[in-house]
């Protein structure tokens, strides 16, 4: 089963979703901007994807700088991500072959 943590306004996220479907999968689509994140969920996804909270933090078009998150510790970043879901880079895909932050889109190939 494929699960995509998706932002429908993001062209990269839409491309990844389209490629998953074109490969014959019917993914579970989670709109994380609506559903939000839990601390445990983020920690689990980041560990499985082998990324740090800093690596998974979206800075562009987010309040990351305003919130003082540049150079912040992991706990502070995770806490901010649960309060401001937009801070998580997208899309994150969980699949039988693993979890990846699929930016750039080509990272999806590791899961197909």
C-alpha atoms as a PDB file:
ATOM      1  CA  UNK A   1       0.000   0.000   0.000  1.00  0.00           C
ATOM      2  CA  UNK A   2       1.203   3.499  -0.838  1.00  0.00           C
ATOM      3  CA  UNK A   3       0.463   6.470   1.389  1.00  0.00           C
ATOM      4  CA  UNK A   4       1.235   9.991   0.214  1.00  0.00           C
ATOM      5  CA  UNK A   5       1.312  12.956   2.563  1.00  0.00           C
ATOM      6  CA  UNK A   6       0.097  15.415  -0.010  1.00  0.00           C
ATOM      7  CA  UNK A   7      -0.338  19.137  -0.544  1.00  0.00           C
ATOM      8  CA  UNK A   8      -2.748  19.531  -3.472  1.00  0.00           C
ATOM      9  CA  UNK A   9      -1.460  23.061  -4.151  1.00  0.00           C
ATOM     10  CA  UNK A  10       2.103  21.802  -4.721  1.00  0.00           C
ATOM     11  CA  UNK A  11       3.039  20.855  -8.294  1.00  0.00           C
ATOM     12  CA  UNK A  12       5.729  18.414  -7.105  1.00  0.00           C
ATOM     13  CA  UNK A  13       3.239  16.691  -4.825  1.00  0.00           C
ATOM     14  CA  UNK A  14       0.685  16.468  -7.647  1.00  0.00           C
ATOM     15  CA  UNK A  15       3.317  14.993 -10.011  1.00  0.00           C
ATOM     16  CA  UNK A  16       4.297  12.358  -7.448  1.00  0.00           C
ATOM     17  CA  UNK A  17       0.651  11.432  -6.865  1.00  0.00           C
ATOM     18  CA  UNK A  18       0.068  11.139 -10.620  1.00  0.00           C
ATOM     19  CA  UNK A  19       3.147   8.910 -11.034  1.00  0.00           C
ATOM     20  CA  UNK A  20       2.039   6.612  -8.217  1.00  0.00           C
ATOM     21  CA  UNK A  21      -1.345   6.209  -9.890  1.00  0.00           C
ATOM     22  CA  UNK A  22       0.214   5.756 -13.354  1.00  0.00           C
ATOM     23  CA  UNK A  23       2.310   2.923 -11.881  1.00  0.00           C
ATOM     24  CA  UNK A  24      -0.952   1.140 -11.033  1.00  0.00           C
ATOM     25  CA  UNK A  25      -1.240   1.940  -7.336  1.00  0.00           C
ATOM     26  CA  UNK A  26      -4.257   3.395  -5.534  1.00  0.00           C
ATOM     27  CA  UNK A  27      -2.568   5.404  -2.772  1.00  0.00           C
ATOM     28  CA  UNK A  28      -4.077   6.610   0.446  1.00  0.00           C
ATOM     29  CA  UNK A  29      -3.891  10.388   0.117  1.00  0.00           C
ATOM     30  CA  UNK A  30      -3.459  12.374   3.308  1.00  0.00           C
ATOM     31  CA  UNK A  31      -3.856  16.127   3.051  1.00  0.00           C
ATOM     32  CA  UNK A  32      -1.532  16.966   5.909  1.00  0.00           C
ATOM     33  CA  UNK A  33      -2.435  20.651   5.806  1.00  0.00           C
ATOM     34  CA  UNK A  34      -5.978  19.688   6.838  1.00  0.00           C
ATOM     35  CA  UNK A  35      -5.177  16.676   9.024  1.00  0.00           C
ATOM     36  CA  UNK A  36      -2.039  18.045  10.670  1.00  0.00           C
ATOM     37  CA  UNK A  37       0.792  16.038  12.181  1.00  0.00           C
ATOM     38  CA  UNK A  38       1.534  14.405  15.497  1.00  0.00           C
ATOM     39  CA  UNK A  39       4.993  14.354  17.023  1.00  0.00           C
ATOM     40  CA  UNK A  40       5.109  10.561  16.851  1.00  0.00           C
ATOM     41  CA  UNK A  41       3.987  10.516  13.250  1.00  0.00           C
ATOM     42  CA  UNK A  42       6.711  12.960  12.200  1.00  0.00           C
ATOM     43  CA  UNK A  43       9.425  11.194  14.186  1.00  0.00           C
ATOM     44  CA  UNK A  44       8.444   7.847  12.666  1.00  0.00           C
ATOM     45  CA  UNK A  45       8.309   9.136   9.100  1.00  0.00           C
ATOM     46  CA  UNK A  46      11.592  11.031   9.393  1.00  0.00           C
ATOM     47  CA  UNK A  47      13.356   8.015  10.910  1.00  0.00           C
ATOM     48  CA  UNK A  48      12.026   5.721   8.190  1.00  0.00           C
ATOM     49  CA  UNK A  49      13.017   8.204   5.468  1.00  0.00           C
ATOM     50  CA  UNK A  50      16.436   8.733   7.085  1.00  0.00           C
ATOM     51  CA  UNK A  51      16.028  12.514   7.246  1.00  0.00           C
ATOM     52  CA  UNK A  52      16.392  14.907  10.134  1.00  0.00           C
ATOM     53  CA  UNK A  53      13.714  17.433  11.074  1.00  0.00           C
ATOM     54  CA  UNK A  54      16.014  20.137   9.693  1.00  0.00           C
ATOM     55  CA  UNK A  55      16.287  18.305   6.358  1.00  0.00           C
ATOM     56  CA  UNK A  56      12.511  17.824   6.242  1.00  0.00           C
ATOM     57  CA  UNK A  57      11.696  21.433   7.097  1.00  0.00           C
ATOM     58  CA  UNK A  58      10.300  23.572   4.324  1.00  0.00           C
ATOM     59  CA  UNK A  59      11.593  27.135   4.535  1.00  0.00           C
ATOM     60  CA  UNK A  60      10.331  28.597   1.252  1.00  0.00           C
ATOM     61  CA  UNK A  61       6.873  30.178   1.572  1.00  0.00           C
ATOM     62  CA  UNK A  62       6.557  29.202   5.238  1.00  0.00           C
ATOM     63  CA  UNK A  63       6.959  31.012   8.567  1.00  0.00           C
ATOM     64  CA  UNK A  64      10.191  29.065   9.355  1.00  0.00           C
ATOM     65  CA  UNK A  65      12.421  32.137   9.491  1.00  0.00           C
ATOM     66  CA  UNK A  66       9.861  34.245  11.353  1.00  0.00           C
ATOM     67  CA  UNK A  67       9.526  31.489  13.954  1.00  0.00           C
ATOM     68  CA  UNK A  68      13.300  31.380  14.463  1.00  0.00           C
ATOM     69  CA  UNK A  69      13.604  27.809  13.195  1.00  0.00           C
ATOM     70  CA  UNK A  70      16.732  28.256  11.090  1.00  0.00           C
ATOM     71  CA  UNK A  71      19.427  26.536  13.152  1.00  0.00           C
ATOM     72  CA  UNK A  72      16.932  25.441  15.827  1.00  0.00           C
ATOM     73  CA  UNK A  73      17.177  22.062  17.561  1.00  0.00           C
ATOM     74  CA  UNK A  74      15.135  19.064  16.398  1.00  0.00           C
ATOM     75  CA  UNK A  75      12.649  19.234  19.280  1.00  0.00           C
ATOM     76  CA  UNK A  76      11.834  22.876  18.532  1.00  0.00           C
ATOM     77  CA  UNK A  77      11.409  22.129  14.829  1.00  0.00           C
ATOM     78  CA  UNK A  78       9.140  19.112  15.465  1.00  0.00           C
ATOM     79  CA  UNK A  79       7.009  21.143  17.868  1.00  0.00           C
ATOM     80  CA  UNK A  80       6.668  23.921  15.264  1.00  0.00           C
ATOM     81  CA  UNK A  81       5.774  21.377  12.557  1.00  0.00           C
ATOM     82  CA  UNK A  82       2.877  20.069  14.634  1.00  0.00           C
ATOM     83  CA  UNK A  83       1.621  23.636  15.107  1.00  0.00           C
ATOM     84  CA  UNK A  84       2.286  24.707  11.484  1.00  0.00           C
ATOM     85  CA  UNK A  85       1.925  21.682   9.138  1.00  0.00           C
ATOM     86  CA  UNK A  86       3.144  23.758   6.163  1.00  0.00           C
ATOM     87  CA  UNK A  87       6.658  23.567   7.643  1.00  0.00           C
ATOM     88  CA  UNK A  88       7.032  19.939   6.530  1.00  0.00           C
ATOM     89  CA  UNK A  89       8.561  19.516   3.077  1.00  0.00           C
ATOM     90  CA  UNK A  90       6.411  17.577   0.670  1.00  0.00           C
ATOM     91  CA  UNK A  91       5.493  15.064  -0.499  1.00  0.00           C
ATOM     92  CA  UNK A  92       6.381  12.223   1.821  1.00  0.00           C
ATOM     93  CA  UNK A  93       5.539   8.779   0.462  1.00  0.00           C
ATOM     94  CA  UNK A  94       5.325   5.566   2.474  1.00  0.00           C
ATOM     95  CA  UNK A  95       5.391   2.361   0.433  1.00  0.00           C
ATOM     96  CA  UNK A  96       6.292  -1.317   0.826  1.00  0.00           C
ATOM     97  CA  UNK A  97       9.890  -0.475  -0.172  1.00  0.00           C
ATOM     98  CA  UNK A  98      10.245   2.299   2.402  1.00  0.00           C
ATOM     99  CA  UNK A  99       9.559   5.951   3.093  1.00  0.00           C
ATOM    100  CA  UNK A 100      10.970   8.836   1.095  1.00  0.00           C
ATOM    101  CA  UNK A 101      10.716  12.580   0.978  1.00  0.00           C
ATOM    102  CA  UNK A 102      10.033  12.705  -2.759  1.00  0.00           C
ATOM    103  CA  UNK A 103      11.601  16.023  -3.571  1.00  0.00           C
ATOM    104  CA  UNK A 104      12.810  15.920  -6.260  1.00  0.00           C
ATOM    105  CA  UNK A 105      10.161  13.810  -7.959  1.00  0.00           C
ATOM    106  CA  UNK A 106      12.799  11.293  -9.068  1.00  0.00           C
ATOM    107  CA  UNK A 107      13.112  10.018  -5.481  1.00  0.00           C
ATOM    108  CA  UNK A 108       9.780   8.251  -6.022  1.00  0.00           C
ATOM    109  CA  UNK A 109      11.505   5.756  -8.351  1.00  0.00           C
ATOM    110  CA  UNK A 110      13.209   4.233  -5.306  1.00  0.00           C
ATOM    111  CA  UNK A 111       9.769   3.169  -4.067  1.00  0.00           C
ATOM    112  CA  UNK A 112       8.119   1.957  -7.282  1.00  0.00           C
END
